[in-house]
Amino acid sequence: MAEGIHLQVITPIKLVVDEQVDEVVAPGAAGEFGVLPGHVPFITTLSDGEVKYKKGGSETKIIVEGGFAEVRDDKVSILTERVRQV
């Protein structure tokens, strides 16, 4: 199993998040999904909602407005129109 997940959250304007994390939870179109290291690859559309990611003992939350998520090779890439901090 790999040492964490590389998370990137990208809007048309800027790269919002670019860091190694332990876990990612996001609002998929078919329901919320979680990603841990070693997860199988997939691509999904996102609903408006909360993306949570954990690093060490802390959890960070941001709000995304739709978009797409790709999980591949212990990397989660989220492309969204807009991000708001919680």
PDB file of N, CA and C in Angstrom:
ATOM      1  N   MET A   1       0.836  -1.182   0.000  1.00  0.00           N
ATOM      2  CA  MET A   1       0.000   0.000   0.000  1.00  0.00           C
ATOM      3  C   MET A   1       0.878   1.242   0.000  1.00  0.00           C
ATOM      4  N   ALA A   2       0.457   2.255  -0.718  1.00  0.00           N
ATOM      5  CA  ALA A   2       1.236   3.488  -0.865  1.00  0.00           C
ATOM      6  C   ALA A   2       1.169   4.343   0.392  1.00  0.00           C
ATOM      7  N   GLU A   3       2.032   5.331   0.434  1.00  0.00           N
ATOM      8  CA  GLU A   3       2.080   6.268   1.552  1.00  0.00           C
ATOM      9  C   GLU A   3       1.229   7.491   1.259  1.00  0.00           C
ATOM     10  N   GLY A   4      -0.060   7.376   1.382  1.00  0.00           N
ATOM     11  CA  GLY A   4      -0.944   8.510   1.193  1.00  0.00           C
ATOM     12  C   GLY A   4      -1.452   8.654  -0.230  1.00  0.00           C
ATOM     13  N   ILE A   5      -2.186   9.737  -0.425  1.00  0.00           N
ATOM     14  CA  ILE A   5      -2.838  10.048  -1.690  1.00  0.00           C
ATOM     15  C   ILE A   5      -2.450  11.470  -2.072  1.00  0.00           C
ATOM     16  N   HIS A   6      -2.128  11.668  -3.342  1.00  0.00           N
ATOM     17  CA  HIS A   6      -1.860  13.021  -3.832  1.00  0.00           C
ATOM     18  C   HIS A   6      -3.196  13.614  -4.268  1.00  0.00           C
ATOM     19  N   LEU A   7      -3.655  14.652  -3.577  1.00  0.00           N
ATOM     20  CA  LEU A   7      -4.935  15.297  -3.876  1.00  0.00           C
ATOM     21  C   LEU A   7      -4.690  16.623  -4.585  1.00  0.00           C
ATOM     22  N   GLN A   8      -5.389  16.796  -5.713  1.00  0.00           N
ATOM     23  CA  GLN A   8      -5.399  18.078  -6.408  1.00  0.00           C
ATOM     24  C   GLN A   8      -6.850  18.487  -6.632  1.00  0.00           C
ATOM     25  N   VAL A   9      -7.165  19.725  -6.261  1.00  0.00           N
ATOM     26  CA  VAL A   9      -8.475  20.313  -6.534  1.00  0.00           C
ATOM     27  C   VAL A   9      -8.207  21.535  -7.406  1.00  0.00           C
ATOM     28  N   ILE A  10      -8.799  21.520  -8.613  1.00  0.00           N
ATOM     29  CA  ILE A  10      -8.472  22.520  -9.617  1.00  0.00           C
ATOM     30  C   ILE A  10      -9.740  23.198 -10.119  1.00  0.00           C
ATOM     31  N   THR A  11      -9.716  24.538 -10.200  1.00  0.00           N
ATOM     32  CA  THR A  11     -10.796  25.312 -10.818  1.00  0.00           C
ATOM     33  C   THR A  11     -10.234  25.910 -12.112  1.00  0.00           C
ATOM     34  N   PRO A  12     -11.082  26.502 -12.942  1.00  0.00           N
ATOM     35  CA  PRO A  12     -10.561  27.152 -14.151  1.00  0.00           C
ATOM     36  C   PRO A  12      -9.576  28.288 -13.852  1.00  0.00           C
ATOM     37  N   ILE A  13      -9.627  28.807 -12.632  1.00  0.00           N
ATOM     38  CA  ILE A  13      -8.804  29.958 -12.277  1.00  0.00           C
ATOM     39  C   ILE A  13      -7.495  29.579 -11.594  1.00  0.00           C
ATOM     40  N   LYS A  14      -7.533  28.519 -10.729  1.00  0.00           N
ATOM     41  CA  LYS A  14      -6.315  28.206  -9.981  1.00  0.00           C
ATOM     42  C   LYS A  14      -6.323  26.782  -9.425  1.00  0.00           C
ATOM     43  N   LEU A  15      -5.155  26.377  -8.988  1.00  0.00           N
ATOM     44  CA  LEU A  15      -4.972  25.123  -8.266  1.00  0.00           C
ATOM     45  C   LEU A  15      -5.256  25.423  -6.794  1.00  0.00           C
ATOM     46  N   VAL A  16      -6.335  24.855  -6.256  1.00  0.00           N
ATOM     47  CA  VAL A  16      -6.790  25.189  -4.909  1.00  0.00           C
ATOM     48  C   VAL A  16      -6.104  24.325  -3.857  1.00  0.00           C
ATOM     49  N   VAL A  17      -5.989  23.030  -4.110  1.00  0.00           N
ATOM     50  CA  VAL A  17      -5.347  22.084  -3.188  1.00  0.00           C
ATOM     51  C   VAL A  17      -4.349  21.259  -3.987  1.00  0.00           C
ATOM     52  N   ASP A  18      -3.160  21.066  -3.427  1.00  0.00           N
ATOM     53  CA  ASP A  18      -2.131  20.231  -4.042  1.00  0.00           C
ATOM     54  C   ASP A  18      -1.259  19.691  -2.918  1.00  0.00           C
ATOM     55  N   GLU A  19      -1.689  18.563  -2.314  1.00  0.00           N
ATOM     56  CA  GLU A  19      -0.933  18.023  -1.187  1.00  0.00           C
ATOM     57  C   GLU A  19      -1.158  16.530  -0.995  1.00  0.00           C
ATOM     58  N   GLN A  20      -0.277  15.918  -0.221  1.00  0.00           N
ATOM     59  CA  GLN A  20      -0.390  14.510   0.162  1.00  0.00           C
ATOM     60  C   GLN A  20      -1.352  14.427   1.334  1.00  0.00           C
ATOM     61  N   VAL A  21      -2.339  13.539   1.245  1.00  0.00           N
ATOM     62  CA  VAL A  21      -3.314  13.362   2.314  1.00  0.00           C
ATOM     63  C   VAL A  21      -3.477  11.868   2.598  1.00  0.00           C
ATOM     64  N   ASP A  22      -4.207  11.556   3.673  1.00  0.00           N
ATOM     65  CA  ASP A  22      -4.424  10.165   4.067  1.00  0.00           C
ATOM     66  C   ASP A  22      -5.723   9.586   3.516  1.00  0.00           C
ATOM     67  N   GLU A  23      -6.728  10.443   3.326  1.00  0.00           N
ATOM     68  CA  GLU A  23      -8.057   9.983   2.910  1.00  0.00           C
ATOM     69  C   GLU A  23      -8.809  11.135   2.255  1.00  0.00           C
ATOM     70  N   VAL A  24      -9.653  10.807   1.269  1.00  0.00           N
ATOM     71  CA  VAL A  24     -10.490  11.808   0.595  1.00  0.00           C
ATOM     72  C   VAL A  24     -11.914  11.277   0.556  1.00  0.00           C
ATOM     73  N   VAL A  25     -12.893  12.131   0.867  1.00  0.00           N
ATOM     74  CA  VAL A  25     -14.312  11.804   0.739  1.00  0.00           C
ATOM     75  C   VAL A  25     -14.942  12.905  -0.104  1.00  0.00           C
ATOM     76  N   ALA A  26     -15.693  12.506  -1.147  1.00  0.00           N
ATOM     77  CA  ALA A  26     -16.247  13.495  -2.077  1.00  0.00           C
ATOM     78  C   ALA A  26     -17.689  13.150  -2.449  1.00  0.00           C
ATOM     79  N   PRO A  27     -18.462  14.149  -2.922  1.00  0.00           N
ATOM     80  CA  PRO A  27     -19.873  13.946  -3.264  1.00  0.00           C
ATOM     81  C   PRO A  27     -20.068  13.493  -4.716  1.00  0.00           C
ATOM     82  N   GLY A  28     -19.946  12.216  -4.975  1.00  0.00           N
ATOM     83  CA  GLY A  28     -20.165  11.697  -6.322  1.00  0.00           C
ATOM     84  C   GLY A  28     -21.610  11.829  -6.746  1.00  0.00           C
ATOM     85  N   ALA A  29     -21.858  11.807  -8.040  1.00  0.00           N
ATOM     86  CA  ALA A  29     -23.221  11.930  -8.550  1.00  0.00           C
ATOM     87  C   ALA A  29     -24.110  10.782  -8.081  1.00  0.00           C
ATOM     88  N   ALA A  30     -23.525   9.603  -7.847  1.00  0.00           N
ATOM     89  CA  ALA A  30     -24.285   8.442  -7.381  1.00  0.00           C
ATOM     90  C   ALA A  30     -24.232   8.296  -5.858  1.00  0.00           C
ATOM     91  N   GLY A  31     -23.636   9.269  -5.179  1.00  0.00           N
ATOM     92  CA  GLY A  31     -23.518   9.230  -3.726  1.00  0.00           C
ATOM     93  C   GLY A  31     -22.093   9.506  -3.283  1.00  0.00           C
ATOM     94  N   GLU A  32     -21.943   9.752  -2.012  1.00  0.00           N
ATOM     95  CA  GLU A  32     -20.635  10.067  -1.450  1.00  0.00           C
ATOM     96  C   GLU A  32     -19.699   8.863  -1.589  1.00  0.00           C
ATOM     97  N   PHE A  33     -18.429   9.123  -1.897  1.00  0.00           N
ATOM     98  CA  PHE A  33     -17.448   8.043  -1.985  1.00  0.00           C
ATOM     99  C   PHE A  33     -16.183   8.436  -1.235  1.00  0.00           C
ATOM    100  N   GLY A  34     -15.470   7.434  -0.767  1.00  0.00           N
ATOM    101  CA  GLY A  34     -14.220   7.645  -0.055  1.00  0.00           C
ATOM    102  C   GLY A  34     -13.071   6.978  -0.786  1.00  0.00           C
ATOM    103  N   VAL A  35     -11.892   7.560  -0.659  1.00  0.00           N
ATOM    104  CA  VAL A  35     -10.704   7.026  -1.316  1.00  0.00           C
ATOM    105  C   VAL A  35      -9.582   6.918  -0.284  1.00  0.00           C
ATOM    106  N   LEU A  36      -9.003   5.725  -0.211  1.00  0.00           N
ATOM    107  CA  LEU A  36      -7.829   5.455   0.605  1.00  0.00           C
ATOM    108  C   LEU A  36      -6.708   5.013  -0.334  1.00  0.00           C
ATOM    109  N   PRO A  37      -5.460   5.002   0.132  1.00  0.00           N
ATOM    110  CA  PRO A  37      -4.370   4.532  -0.723  1.00  0.00           C
ATOM    111  C   PRO A  37      -4.669   3.125  -1.261  1.00  0.00           C
ATOM    112  N   GLY A  38      -4.311   2.892  -2.525  1.00  0.00           N
ATOM    113  CA  GLY A  38      -4.541   1.602  -3.154  1.00  0.00           C
ATOM    114  C   GLY A  38      -5.912   1.447  -3.781  1.00  0.00           C
ATOM    115  N   HIS A  39      -6.709   2.513  -3.803  1.00  0.00           N
ATOM    116  CA  HIS A  39      -8.066   2.440  -4.359  1.00  0.00           C
ATOM    117  C   HIS A  39      -8.022   2.123  -5.852  1.00  0.00           C
ATOM    118  N   VAL A  40      -9.052   1.420  -6.342  1.00  0.00           N
ATOM    119  CA  VAL A  40      -9.141   1.109  -7.771  1.00  0.00           C
ATOM    120  C   VAL A  40      -9.367   2.394  -8.564  1.00  0.00           C
ATOM    121  N   PRO A  41      -8.877   2.460  -9.798  1.00  0.00           N
ATOM    122  CA  PRO A  41      -9.074   3.648 -10.632  1.00  0.00           C
ATOM    123  C   PRO A  41     -10.536   3.810 -11.051  1.00  0.00           C
ATOM    124  N   PHE A  42     -10.994   5.046 -11.106  1.00  0.00           N
ATOM    125  CA  PHE A  42     -12.310   5.356 -11.657  1.00  0.00           C
ATOM    126  C   PHE A  42     -12.432   6.844 -11.924  1.00  0.00           C
ATOM    127  N   ILE A  43     -13.444   7.201 -12.717  1.00  0.00           N
ATOM    128  CA  ILE A  43     -13.789   8.598 -13.005  1.00  0.00           C
ATOM    129  C   ILE A  43     -15.271   8.748 -12.729  1.00  0.00           C
ATOM    130  N   THR A  44     -15.666   9.860 -12.116  1.00  0.00           N
ATOM    131  CA  THR A  44     -17.074  10.109 -11.821  1.00  0.00           C
ATOM    132  C   THR A  44     -17.384  11.595 -11.901  1.00  0.00           C
ATOM    133  N   THR A  45     -18.648  11.900 -12.129  1.00  0.00           N
ATOM    134  CA  THR A  45     -19.099  13.289 -12.014  1.00  0.00           C
ATOM    135  C   THR A  45     -19.344  13.573 -10.534  1.00  0.00           C
ATOM    136  N   LEU A  46     -19.284  14.835 -10.187  1.00  0.00           N
ATOM    137  CA  LEU A  46     -19.511  15.251  -8.802  1.00  0.00           C
ATOM    138  C   LEU A  46     -20.783  16.068  -8.695  1.00  0.00           C
ATOM    139  N   SER A  47     -21.458  15.919  -7.578  1.00  0.00           N
ATOM    140  CA  SER A  47     -22.580  16.780  -7.225  1.00  0.00           C
ATOM    141  C   SER A  47     -22.034  17.954  -6.429  1.00  0.00           C
ATOM    142  N   ASP A  48     -22.827  18.997  -6.289  1.00  0.00           N
ATOM    143  CA  ASP A  48     -22.453  20.080  -5.388  1.00  0.00           C
ATOM    144  C   ASP A  48     -22.380  19.492  -3.984  1.00  0.00           C
ATOM    145  N   GLY A  49     -21.357  19.842  -3.239  1.00  0.00           N
ATOM    146  CA  GLY A  49     -21.276  19.328  -1.872  1.00  0.00           C
ATOM    147  C   GLY A  49     -19.890  19.462  -1.282  1.00  0.00           C
ATOM    148  N   GLU A  50     -19.698  18.740  -0.186  1.00  0.00           N
ATOM    149  CA  GLU A  50     -18.513  18.863   0.638  1.00  0.00           C
ATOM    150  C   GLU A  50     -17.466  17.811   0.288  1.00  0.00           C
ATOM    151  N   VAL A  51     -16.246  18.269   0.058  1.00  0.00           N
ATOM    152  CA  VAL A  51     -15.091  17.379  -0.076  1.00  0.00           C
ATOM    153  C   VAL A  51     -14.340  17.462   1.245  1.00  0.00           C
ATOM    154  N   LYS A  52     -14.082  16.292   1.833  1.00  0.00           N
ATOM    155  CA  LYS A  52     -13.339  16.236   3.095  1.00  0.00           C
ATOM    156  C   LYS A  52     -12.054  15.470   2.842  1.00  0.00           C
ATOM    157  N   TYR A  53     -10.965  15.956   3.409  1.00  0.00           N
ATOM    158  CA  TYR A  53      -9.726  15.200   3.326  1.00  0.00           C
ATOM    159  C   TYR A  53      -8.993  15.270   4.656  1.00  0.00           C
ATOM    160  N   LYS A  54      -8.376  14.130   4.989  1.00  0.00           N
ATOM    161  CA  LYS A  54      -7.678  14.002   6.261  1.00  0.00           C
ATOM    162  C   LYS A  54      -6.186  13.902   6.025  1.00  0.00           C
ATOM    163  N   LYS A  55      -5.461  14.580   6.889  1.00  0.00           N
ATOM    164  CA  LYS A  55      -4.004  14.538   6.870  1.00  0.00           C
ATOM    165  C   LYS A  55      -3.544  14.537   8.315  1.00  0.00           C
ATOM    166  N   GLY A  56      -2.875  13.455   8.710  1.00  0.00           N
ATOM    167  CA  GLY A  56      -2.507  13.333  10.121  1.00  0.00           C
ATOM    168  C   GLY A  56      -3.781  13.227  10.938  1.00  0.00           C
ATOM    169  N   GLY A  57      -3.910  14.012  11.957  1.00  0.00           N
ATOM    170  CA  GLY A  57      -5.105  13.985  12.790  1.00  0.00           C
ATOM    171  C   GLY A  57      -6.132  15.043  12.447  1.00  0.00           C
ATOM    172  N   SER A  58      -5.879  15.841  11.407  1.00  0.00           N
ATOM    173  CA  SER A  58      -6.809  16.930  11.112  1.00  0.00           C
ATOM    174  C   SER A  58      -7.599  16.667   9.838  1.00  0.00           C
ATOM    175  N   GLU A  59      -8.816  17.217   9.805  1.00  0.00           N
ATOM    176  CA  GLU A  59      -9.699  17.088   8.649  1.00  0.00           C
ATOM    177  C   GLU A  59      -9.994  18.478   8.095  1.00  0.00           C
ATOM    178  N   THR A  60      -9.930  18.614   6.778  1.00  0.00           N
ATOM    179  CA  THR A  60     -10.242  19.868   6.105  1.00  0.00           C
ATOM    180  C   THR A  60     -11.464  19.647   5.228  1.00  0.00           C
ATOM    181  N   LYS A  61     -12.342  20.646   5.177  1.00  0.00           N
ATOM    182  CA  LYS A  61     -13.557  20.562   4.369  1.00  0.00           C
ATOM    183  C   LYS A  61     -13.611  21.757   3.425  1.00  0.00           C
ATOM    184  N   ILE A  62     -14.002  21.473   2.171  1.00  0.00           N
ATOM    185  CA  ILE A  62     -14.256  22.521   1.200  1.00  0.00           C
ATOM    186  C   ILE A  62     -15.542  22.171   0.464  1.00  0.00           C
ATOM    187  N   ILE A  63     -16.192  23.174  -0.096  1.00  0.00           N
ATOM    188  CA  ILE A  63     -17.411  22.968  -0.871  1.00  0.00           C
ATOM    189  C   ILE A  63     -17.064  23.090  -2.352  1.00  0.00           C
ATOM    190  N   VAL A  64     -17.482  22.087  -3.136  1.00  0.00           N
ATOM    191  CA  VAL A  64     -17.284  22.148  -4.586  1.00  0.00           C
ATOM    192  C   VAL A  64     -18.641  22.301  -5.260  1.00  0.00           C
ATOM    193  N   GLU A  65     -18.630  22.943  -6.411  1.00  0.00           N
ATOM    194  CA  GLU A  65     -19.858  23.111  -7.188  1.00  0.00           C
ATOM    195  C   GLU A  65     -19.755  22.239  -8.440  1.00  0.00           C
ATOM    196  N   GLY A  66     -20.133  20.965  -8.276  1.00  0.00           N
ATOM    197  CA  GLY A  66     -20.108  20.012  -9.378  1.00  0.00           C
ATOM    198  C   GLY A  66     -18.701  19.743  -9.865  1.00  0.00           C
ATOM    199  N   GLY A  67     -18.616  19.088 -11.021  1.00  0.00           N
ATOM    200  CA  GLY A  67     -17.321  18.825 -11.623  1.00  0.00           C
ATOM    201  C   GLY A  67     -17.085  17.348 -11.859  1.00  0.00           C
ATOM    202  N   PHE A  68     -15.809  16.975 -11.886  1.00  0.00           N
ATOM    203  CA  PHE A  68     -15.395  15.601 -12.147  1.00  0.00           C
ATOM    204  C   PHE A  68     -14.291  15.215 -11.185  1.00  0.00           C
ATOM    205  N   ALA A  69     -14.205  13.919 -10.886  1.00  0.00           N
ATOM    206  CA  ALA A  69     -13.113  13.397 -10.069  1.00  0.00           C
ATOM    207  C   ALA A  69     -12.515  12.186 -10.768  1.00  0.00           C
ATOM    208  N   GLU A  70     -11.191  12.119 -10.763  1.00  0.00           N
ATOM    209  CA  GLU A  70     -10.485  10.958 -11.292  1.00  0.00           C
ATOM    210  C   GLU A  70      -9.605  10.395 -10.188  1.00  0.00           C
ATOM    211  N   VAL A  71      -9.697   9.082  -9.975  1.00  0.00           N
ATOM    212  CA  VAL A  71      -8.859   8.388  -9.011  1.00  0.00           C
ATOM    213  C   VAL A  71      -7.978   7.442  -9.813  1.00  0.00           C
ATOM    214  N   ARG A  72      -6.653   7.586  -9.654  1.00  0.00           N
ATOM    215  CA  ARG A  72      -5.723   6.735 -10.407  1.00  0.00           C
ATOM    216  C   ARG A  72      -4.345   6.816  -9.769  1.00  0.00           C
ATOM    217  N   ASP A  73      -3.734   5.664  -9.560  1.00  0.00           N
ATOM    218  CA  ASP A  73      -2.356   5.597  -9.043  1.00  0.00           C
ATOM    219  C   ASP A  73      -2.158   6.418  -7.773  1.00  0.00           C
ATOM    220  N   ASP A  74      -3.038   6.229  -6.795  1.00  0.00           N
ATOM    221  CA  ASP A  74      -2.972   6.954  -5.518  1.00  0.00           C
ATOM    222  C   ASP A  74      -2.964   8.468  -5.704  1.00  0.00           C
ATOM    223  N   LYS A  75      -3.705   8.930  -6.705  1.00  0.00           N
ATOM    224  CA  LYS A  75      -3.890  10.360  -6.936  1.00  0.00           C
ATOM    225  C   LYS A  75      -5.373  10.619  -7.168  1.00  0.00           C
ATOM    226  N   VAL A  76      -5.904  11.657  -6.525  1.00  0.00           N
ATOM    227  CA  VAL A  76      -7.280  12.099  -6.736  1.00  0.00           C
ATOM    228  C   VAL A  76      -7.213  13.498  -7.335  1.00  0.00           C
ATOM    229  N   SER A  77      -7.756  13.634  -8.545  1.00  0.00           N
ATOM    230  CA  SER A  77      -7.824  14.932  -9.219  1.00  0.00           C
ATOM    231  C   SER A  77      -9.276  15.347  -9.300  1.00  0.00           C
ATOM    232  N   ILE A  78      -9.589  16.510  -8.739  1.00  0.00           N
ATOM    233  CA  ILE A  78     -10.946  17.040  -8.764  1.00  0.00           C
ATOM    234  C   ILE A  78     -10.939  18.323  -9.591  1.00  0.00           C
ATOM    235  N   LEU A  79     -11.762  18.321 -10.648  1.00  0.00           N
ATOM    236  CA  LEU A  79     -11.929  19.505 -11.486  1.00  0.00           C
ATOM    237  C   LEU A  79     -13.312  20.049 -11.216  1.00  0.00           C
ATOM    238  N   THR A  80     -13.416  21.300 -10.797  1.00  0.00           N
ATOM    239  CA  THR A  80     -14.695  21.885 -10.440  1.00  0.00           C
ATOM    240  C   THR A  80     -14.741  23.356 -10.848  1.00  0.00           C
ATOM    241  N   GLU A  81     -15.954  23.865 -11.013  1.00  0.00           N
ATOM    242  CA  GLU A  81     -16.121  25.265 -11.403  1.00  0.00           C
ATOM    243  C   GLU A  81     -15.708  26.232 -10.298  1.00  0.00           C
ATOM    244  N   ARG A  82     -16.074  25.885  -9.067  1.00  0.00           N
ATOM    245  CA  ARG A  82     -15.866  26.821  -7.955  1.00  0.00           C
ATOM    246  C   ARG A  82     -15.650  26.053  -6.656  1.00  0.00           C
ATOM    247  N   VAL A  83     -14.850  26.635  -5.766  1.00  0.00           N
ATOM    248  CA  VAL A  83     -14.582  26.053  -4.455  1.00  0.00           C
ATOM    249  C   VAL A  83     -14.817  27.127  -3.403  1.00  0.00           C
ATOM    250  N   ARG A  84     -15.469  26.739  -2.322  1.00  0.00           N
ATOM    251  CA  ARG A  84     -15.638  27.622  -1.168  1.00  0.00           C
ATOM    252  C   ARG A  84     -15.073  26.931   0.057  1.00  0.00           C
ATOM    253  N   GLN A  85     -14.425  27.677   0.922  1.00  0.00           N
ATOM    254  CA  GLN A  85     -13.907  27.131   2.174  1.00  0.00           C
ATOM    255  C   GLN A  85     -15.052  27.024   3.176  1.00  0.00           C
ATOM    256  N   VAL A  86     -15.012  26.007   4.010  1.00  0.00           N
ATOM    257  CA  VAL A  86     -16.049  25.822   5.042  1.00  0.00           C
ATOM    258  C   VAL A  86     -15.601  26.511   6.306  1.00  0.00           C
TER     259      VAL A  86
END
